[in-house]
Amino acid sequence: FRFKDSLAAELQSADLVISHAGAGSCLETLEKGKPLIVVINDKLMDNHQLELAKQLHRDGYVLYCNC
């Protein structure tokens, strides 16, 4: 995708979402009730994406991996 102000329409029509593990992306996808796979970027901000992905996985919301 090129930059878009909102991905709401794409999220609504998606059967599965694959995303980075940013908090906003995760929450917006989960609010739509879509299955989510997150790919963490472990080089960002003290590895915060991994922490979020692990917790969401433990809670049964996502599957996660890294590159």
N, C-alpha and C. Protein backbone atom coordinates (compact mmCIF):
# COMPACT_ATOMS: atom_id res chain seq x y z
N PHE A 1 0.82 -1.19 0.00
CA PHE A 1 0.00 0.00 0.00
C PHE A 1 0.86 1.25 0.00
N ARG A 2 0.39 2.26 -0.64
CA ARG A 2 0.93 3.60 -0.44
C ARG A 2 0.28 4.13 0.83
N PHE A 3 0.81 5.21 1.36
CA PHE A 3 0.25 5.79 2.58
C PHE A 3 -1.23 6.11 2.39
N LYS A 4 -2.01 5.75 3.39
CA LYS A 4 -3.44 6.09 3.42
C LYS A 4 -3.74 6.67 4.79
N ASP A 5 -4.66 7.61 4.84
CA ASP A 5 -5.06 8.18 6.12
C ASP A 5 -5.74 7.14 7.00
N SER A 6 -6.40 6.17 6.38
CA SER A 6 -7.13 5.15 7.13
C SER A 6 -7.14 3.85 6.34
N LEU A 7 -7.05 2.75 7.06
CA LEU A 7 -7.18 1.43 6.44
C LEU A 7 -8.50 0.77 6.82
N ALA A 8 -9.45 1.56 7.31
CA ALA A 8 -10.72 1.01 7.81
C ALA A 8 -11.44 0.18 6.76
N ALA A 9 -11.51 0.66 5.53
CA ALA A 9 -12.21 -0.08 4.47
C ALA A 9 -11.52 -1.41 4.17
N GLU A 10 -10.19 -1.39 4.12
CA GLU A 10 -9.43 -2.61 3.85
C GLU A 10 -9.59 -3.60 5.00
N LEU A 11 -9.54 -3.10 6.23
CA LEU A 11 -9.71 -3.97 7.39
C LEU A 11 -11.09 -4.61 7.39
N GLN A 12 -12.10 -3.83 7.05
CA GLN A 12 -13.47 -4.34 7.04
C GLN A 12 -13.64 -5.49 6.06
N SER A 13 -12.98 -5.42 4.92
CA SER A 13 -13.16 -6.46 3.90
C SER A 13 -12.15 -7.60 4.02
N ALA A 14 -11.17 -7.49 4.90
CA ALA A 14 -10.12 -8.50 5.01
C ALA A 14 -10.62 -9.76 5.72
N ASP A 15 -10.09 -10.91 5.30
CA ASP A 15 -10.33 -12.17 6.00
C ASP A 15 -9.23 -12.44 7.02
N LEU A 16 -8.04 -11.90 6.76
CA LEU A 16 -6.87 -12.07 7.62
C LEU A 16 -6.01 -10.84 7.45
N VAL A 17 -5.41 -10.39 8.55
CA VAL A 17 -4.52 -9.23 8.48
C VAL A 17 -3.13 -9.65 8.94
N ILE A 18 -2.13 -9.26 8.17
CA ILE A 18 -0.73 -9.43 8.53
C ILE A 18 -0.17 -8.03 8.66
N SER A 19 0.41 -7.74 9.84
CA SER A 19 0.80 -6.37 10.14
C SER A 19 2.07 -6.36 10.96
N HIS A 20 2.64 -5.16 11.10
CA HIS A 20 3.69 -5.00 12.10
C HIS A 20 3.00 -5.02 13.46
N ALA A 21 3.76 -5.04 14.52
CA ALA A 21 3.18 -5.18 15.86
C ALA A 21 3.04 -3.85 16.57
N GLY A 22 2.71 -2.82 15.83
CA GLY A 22 2.44 -1.53 16.45
C GLY A 22 1.11 -1.59 17.20
N ALA A 23 1.03 -0.89 18.31
CA ALA A 23 -0.17 -0.95 19.14
C ALA A 23 -1.41 -0.50 18.39
N GLY A 24 -1.32 0.60 17.65
CA GLY A 24 -2.47 1.10 16.91
C GLY A 24 -2.96 0.11 15.86
N SER A 25 -2.03 -0.47 15.13
CA SER A 25 -2.40 -1.44 14.10
C SER A 25 -3.06 -2.67 14.70
N CYS A 26 -2.49 -3.15 15.79
CA CYS A 26 -3.05 -4.33 16.46
C CYS A 26 -4.45 -4.05 16.99
N LEU A 27 -4.60 -2.96 17.70
CA LEU A 27 -5.89 -2.66 18.31
C LEU A 27 -6.97 -2.39 17.27
N GLU A 28 -6.63 -1.67 16.22
CA GLU A 28 -7.63 -1.38 15.18
C GLU A 28 -8.08 -2.67 14.50
N THR A 29 -7.17 -3.57 14.24
CA THR A 29 -7.51 -4.84 13.61
C THR A 29 -8.35 -5.71 14.53
N LEU A 30 -7.95 -5.81 15.79
CA LEU A 30 -8.68 -6.65 16.74
C LEU A 30 -10.07 -6.09 17.02
N GLU A 31 -10.21 -4.76 17.01
CA GLU A 31 -11.53 -4.15 17.19
C GLU A 31 -12.49 -4.55 16.08
N LYS A 32 -11.94 -4.82 14.89
CA LYS A 32 -12.77 -5.25 13.76
C LYS A 32 -13.06 -6.75 13.81
N GLY A 33 -12.46 -7.45 14.78
CA GLY A 33 -12.69 -8.88 14.93
C GLY A 33 -11.99 -9.73 13.89
N LYS A 34 -10.91 -9.22 13.33
CA LYS A 34 -10.20 -9.94 12.27
C LYS A 34 -9.04 -10.75 12.85
N PRO A 35 -8.79 -11.95 12.32
CA PRO A 35 -7.60 -12.70 12.75
C PRO A 35 -6.35 -11.91 12.35
N LEU A 36 -5.34 -11.98 13.21
CA LEU A 36 -4.17 -11.13 13.03
C LEU A 36 -2.88 -11.90 13.24
N ILE A 37 -1.98 -11.75 12.29
CA ILE A 37 -0.60 -12.23 12.41
C ILE A 37 0.26 -10.99 12.44
N VAL A 38 1.10 -10.87 13.46
CA VAL A 38 1.99 -9.71 13.54
C VAL A 38 3.43 -10.15 13.32
N VAL A 39 4.15 -9.33 12.58
CA VAL A 39 5.57 -9.54 12.31
C VAL A 39 6.30 -8.44 13.06
N ILE A 40 7.08 -8.84 14.04
CA ILE A 40 7.73 -7.85 14.89
C ILE A 40 8.99 -7.29 14.24
N ASN A 41 9.26 -6.05 14.55
CA ASN A 41 10.52 -5.41 14.17
C ASN A 41 11.29 -5.24 15.47
N ASP A 42 12.22 -6.14 15.72
CA ASP A 42 12.92 -6.15 17.02
C ASP A 42 14.00 -5.09 17.13
N LYS A 43 14.11 -4.23 16.14
CA LYS A 43 15.11 -3.16 16.20
C LYS A 43 14.51 -1.82 16.64
N LEU A 44 13.22 -1.79 16.92
CA LEU A 44 12.55 -0.54 17.28
C LEU A 44 12.39 -0.39 18.79
N MET A 45 12.71 0.75 19.29
CA MET A 45 12.38 1.22 20.64
C MET A 45 12.43 0.13 21.72
N ASP A 46 13.60 -0.38 21.97
CA ASP A 46 13.78 -1.38 23.03
C ASP A 46 12.90 -2.60 22.86
N ASN A 47 12.62 -2.96 21.62
CA ASN A 47 11.90 -4.20 21.31
C ASN A 47 10.47 -4.21 21.85
N HIS A 48 9.81 -3.05 21.91
CA HIS A 48 8.46 -2.99 22.45
C HIS A 48 7.45 -3.79 21.64
N GLN A 49 7.69 -3.95 20.34
CA GLN A 49 6.74 -4.73 19.54
C GLN A 49 6.71 -6.19 19.98
N LEU A 50 7.86 -6.73 20.35
CA LEU A 50 7.90 -8.10 20.82
C LEU A 50 7.11 -8.25 22.11
N GLU A 51 7.26 -7.31 23.02
CA GLU A 51 6.53 -7.37 24.29
C GLU A 51 5.03 -7.37 24.04
N LEU A 52 4.55 -6.48 23.18
CA LEU A 52 3.12 -6.41 22.88
C LEU A 52 2.66 -7.69 22.19
N ALA A 53 3.41 -8.16 21.21
CA ALA A 53 3.03 -9.37 20.48
C ALA A 53 2.96 -10.58 21.41
N LYS A 54 3.92 -10.72 22.30
CA LYS A 54 3.90 -11.85 23.23
C LYS A 54 2.68 -11.81 24.14
N GLN A 55 2.35 -10.62 24.64
CA GLN A 55 1.19 -10.52 25.53
C GLN A 55 -0.11 -10.79 24.79
N LEU A 56 -0.25 -10.24 23.59
CA LEU A 56 -1.46 -10.50 22.81
C LEU A 56 -1.56 -11.97 22.43
N HIS A 57 -0.42 -12.61 22.20
CA HIS A 57 -0.42 -14.05 21.91
C HIS A 57 -0.83 -14.85 23.15
N ARG A 58 -0.27 -14.50 24.30
CA ARG A 58 -0.65 -15.20 25.54
C ARG A 58 -2.14 -15.07 25.82
N ASP A 59 -2.71 -13.92 25.48
CA ASP A 59 -4.12 -13.68 25.70
C ASP A 59 -5.00 -14.29 24.61
N GLY A 60 -4.37 -14.91 23.60
CA GLY A 60 -5.11 -15.62 22.57
C GLY A 60 -5.61 -14.78 21.41
N TYR A 61 -5.03 -13.59 21.22
CA TYR A 61 -5.51 -12.68 20.18
C TYR A 61 -4.74 -12.75 18.87
N VAL A 62 -3.46 -13.07 18.90
CA VAL A 62 -2.64 -13.01 17.68
C VAL A 62 -1.68 -14.19 17.61
N LEU A 63 -1.18 -14.39 16.42
CA LEU A 63 0.03 -15.21 16.21
C LEU A 63 1.11 -14.22 15.83
N TYR A 64 2.36 -14.51 16.18
CA TYR A 64 3.43 -13.56 15.85
C TYR A 64 4.67 -14.29 15.39
N CYS A 65 5.50 -13.54 14.65
CA CYS A 65 6.77 -14.05 14.16
C CYS A 65 7.69 -12.85 13.94
N ASN A 66 8.93 -13.14 13.59
CA ASN A 66 9.83 -12.06 13.16
C ASN A 66 10.34 -12.42 11.77
N CYS A 67 11.07 -11.51 11.16
CA CYS A 67 11.54 -11.73 9.79
C CYS A 67 12.63 -12.80 9.76
